[in-house]
Every structure is written in C-alpha cells, then in structure tokens.
Amino acid sequence: MAAATSEFARISATSAAPPGSKGNVPLGTVLLEEVAFRGVLMGLINRHRGAVG
C-alpha cells in the first residue's frame, strides 16, 4: 500500500499548477465537460440496453 501512496504523491507533485497560478478552471469548460460526459454515458447505457420506444 505504501508504494501506491508514494506513486500518487509523485504524480500529484508533478502535475501541480505552476507557481503563482491559482489553478482556476473556467465555468464554461466545466459545464461543457459535464454535459459531454453525461451524454456519452447515456449513449453507452442506451446502446447496452437497446433501442427503447
């Protein structure tokens, strides 16, 4: 378990925001990604279940 924790710490440390950056993400980007993710998820569920209607 310690190896996994140190691996996570290494990845987190290397992917941190640049110094002086607050790491803000525009709200429009977040909303776009959420809608796209939910659309793909619903598409996969519908494909798995078959056509309804």
N, C-alpha and C. Protein backbone atom coordinates (compact mmCIF):
# COMPACT_ATOMS: atom_id res chain seq x y z
N MET A 1 0.82 -1.19 0.00
CA MET A 1 0.00 0.00 0.00
C MET A 1 0.87 1.26 0.00
N ALA A 2 2.00 1.20 0.63
CA ALA A 2 2.88 2.36 0.70
C ALA A 2 3.39 2.75 -0.69
N ALA A 3 3.61 1.74 -1.55
CA ALA A 3 4.08 2.03 -2.90
C ALA A 3 3.03 2.81 -3.68
N ALA A 4 1.77 2.44 -3.54
CA ALA A 4 0.70 3.14 -4.24
C ALA A 4 0.58 4.57 -3.74
N THR A 5 0.73 4.77 -2.45
CA THR A 5 0.65 6.12 -1.89
C THR A 5 1.78 6.99 -2.40
N SER A 6 2.98 6.46 -2.44
CA SER A 6 4.11 7.26 -2.92
C SER A 6 3.98 7.55 -4.42
N GLU A 7 3.41 6.60 -5.18
CA GLU A 7 3.18 6.83 -6.60
C GLU A 7 2.17 7.96 -6.79
N PHE A 8 1.10 7.96 -6.00
CA PHE A 8 0.11 9.03 -6.08
C PHE A 8 0.75 10.37 -5.72
N ALA A 9 1.56 10.41 -4.70
CA ALA A 9 2.22 11.65 -4.28
C ALA A 9 3.14 12.16 -5.39
N ARG A 10 3.84 11.25 -6.06
CA ARG A 10 4.74 11.65 -7.15
C ARG A 10 3.94 12.25 -8.31
N ILE A 11 2.83 11.59 -8.68
CA ILE A 11 2.01 12.10 -9.78
C ILE A 11 1.41 13.44 -9.41
N SER A 12 0.92 13.57 -8.19
CA SER A 12 0.32 14.83 -7.74
C SER A 12 1.34 15.96 -7.75
N ALA A 13 2.54 15.65 -7.32
CA ALA A 13 3.58 16.67 -7.25
C ALA A 13 4.00 17.13 -8.65
N THR A 14 4.01 16.22 -9.62
CA THR A 14 4.46 16.59 -10.96
C THR A 14 3.37 17.26 -11.78
N SER A 15 2.10 17.09 -11.39
CA SER A 15 1.02 17.67 -12.17
C SER A 15 0.40 18.89 -11.48
N ALA A 16 1.11 19.45 -10.53
CA ALA A 16 0.59 20.62 -9.81
C ALA A 16 0.60 21.84 -10.72
N ALA A 17 -0.23 22.82 -10.38
CA ALA A 17 -0.29 24.06 -11.14
C ALA A 17 1.03 24.81 -11.01
N PRO A 18 1.39 25.60 -12.00
CA PRO A 18 2.65 26.36 -11.94
C PRO A 18 2.65 27.33 -10.75
N PRO A 19 3.82 27.66 -10.24
CA PRO A 19 3.89 28.60 -9.11
C PRO A 19 3.23 29.93 -9.46
N GLY A 20 2.48 30.46 -8.53
CA GLY A 20 1.80 31.72 -8.73
C GLY A 20 0.45 31.59 -9.41
N SER A 21 0.12 30.39 -9.85
CA SER A 21 -1.17 30.16 -10.51
C SER A 21 -2.18 29.65 -9.49
N LYS A 22 -3.39 30.14 -9.59
CA LYS A 22 -4.44 29.68 -8.68
C LYS A 22 -5.08 28.40 -9.19
N GLY A 23 -4.85 28.03 -10.43
CA GLY A 23 -5.40 26.81 -10.98
C GLY A 23 -6.88 26.90 -11.25
N ASN A 24 -7.39 28.10 -11.52
CA ASN A 24 -8.81 28.27 -11.80
C ASN A 24 -9.16 27.68 -13.16
N VAL A 25 -10.32 27.04 -13.22
CA VAL A 25 -10.83 26.50 -14.47
C VAL A 25 -12.11 27.25 -14.80
N PRO A 26 -12.24 27.75 -16.03
CA PRO A 26 -13.45 28.50 -16.39
C PRO A 26 -14.71 27.64 -16.24
N LEU A 27 -15.77 28.25 -15.76
CA LEU A 27 -17.02 27.53 -15.52
C LEU A 27 -17.56 26.93 -16.81
N GLY A 28 -17.41 27.63 -17.92
CA GLY A 28 -17.88 27.11 -19.20
C GLY A 28 -17.21 25.80 -19.58
N THR A 29 -15.93 25.67 -19.26
CA THR A 29 -15.20 24.44 -19.54
C THR A 29 -15.74 23.30 -18.70
N VAL A 30 -16.00 23.57 -17.44
CA VAL A 30 -16.52 22.54 -16.54
C VAL A 30 -17.90 22.08 -17.00
N LEU A 31 -18.76 23.04 -17.35
CA LEU A 31 -20.10 22.68 -17.80
C LEU A 31 -20.05 21.88 -19.10
N LEU A 32 -19.21 22.30 -20.04
CA LEU A 32 -19.09 21.58 -21.31
C LEU A 32 -18.65 20.14 -21.07
N GLU A 33 -17.65 19.94 -20.21
CA GLU A 33 -17.17 18.60 -19.94
C GLU A 33 -18.23 17.75 -19.25
N GLU A 34 -18.98 18.34 -18.33
CA GLU A 34 -20.05 17.60 -17.64
C GLU A 34 -21.12 17.16 -18.61
N VAL A 35 -21.56 18.06 -19.48
CA VAL A 35 -22.61 17.72 -20.44
C VAL A 35 -22.12 16.65 -21.41
N ALA A 36 -20.89 16.79 -21.88
CA ALA A 36 -20.33 15.80 -22.81
C ALA A 36 -20.21 14.44 -22.13
N PHE A 37 -19.73 14.41 -20.90
CA PHE A 37 -19.57 13.14 -20.19
C PHE A 37 -20.92 12.48 -19.98
N ARG A 38 -21.91 13.24 -19.55
CA ARG A 38 -23.24 12.67 -19.31
C ARG A 38 -23.88 12.20 -20.61
N GLY A 39 -23.66 12.92 -21.70
CA GLY A 39 -24.19 12.49 -22.99
C GLY A 39 -23.58 11.18 -23.45
N VAL A 40 -22.27 11.06 -23.31
CA VAL A 40 -21.60 9.82 -23.69
C VAL A 40 -22.06 8.68 -22.79
N LEU A 41 -22.18 8.94 -21.51
CA LEU A 41 -22.62 7.91 -20.57
C LEU A 41 -24.02 7.42 -20.93
N MET A 42 -24.94 8.36 -21.20
CA MET A 42 -26.30 7.96 -21.56
C MET A 42 -26.31 7.20 -22.89
N GLY A 43 -25.47 7.61 -23.83
CA GLY A 43 -25.37 6.90 -25.10
C GLY A 43 -24.90 5.47 -24.92
N LEU A 44 -23.91 5.27 -24.06
CA LEU A 44 -23.42 3.92 -23.80
C LEU A 44 -24.47 3.06 -23.10
N ILE A 45 -25.20 3.67 -22.17
CA ILE A 45 -26.25 2.92 -21.48
C ILE A 45 -27.35 2.54 -22.46
N ASN A 46 -27.76 3.48 -23.31
CA ASN A 46 -28.80 3.18 -24.29
C ASN A 46 -28.35 2.12 -25.28
N ARG A 47 -27.11 2.15 -25.68
CA ARG A 47 -26.59 1.13 -26.61
C ARG A 47 -26.60 -0.23 -25.94
N HIS A 48 -26.24 -0.27 -24.66
CA HIS A 48 -26.20 -1.54 -23.92
C HIS A 48 -27.61 -2.11 -23.74
N ARG A 49 -28.57 -1.24 -23.44
CA ARG A 49 -29.95 -1.67 -23.18
C ARG A 49 -30.75 -1.91 -24.45
N GLY A 50 -30.30 -1.35 -25.54
CA GLY A 50 -31.05 -1.48 -26.79
C GLY A 50 -31.98 -0.30 -27.00
N ALA A 51 -32.55 -0.21 -28.18
CA ALA A 51 -33.44 0.90 -28.50
C ALA A 51 -34.72 0.80 -27.68
N VAL A 52 -35.16 1.94 -27.19
CA VAL A 52 -36.38 2.00 -26.40
C VAL A 52 -37.34 2.95 -27.10
N GLY A 53 -38.62 2.55 -27.23
CA GLY A 53 -39.58 3.49 -27.77
C GLY A 53 -40.28 3.00 -28.92
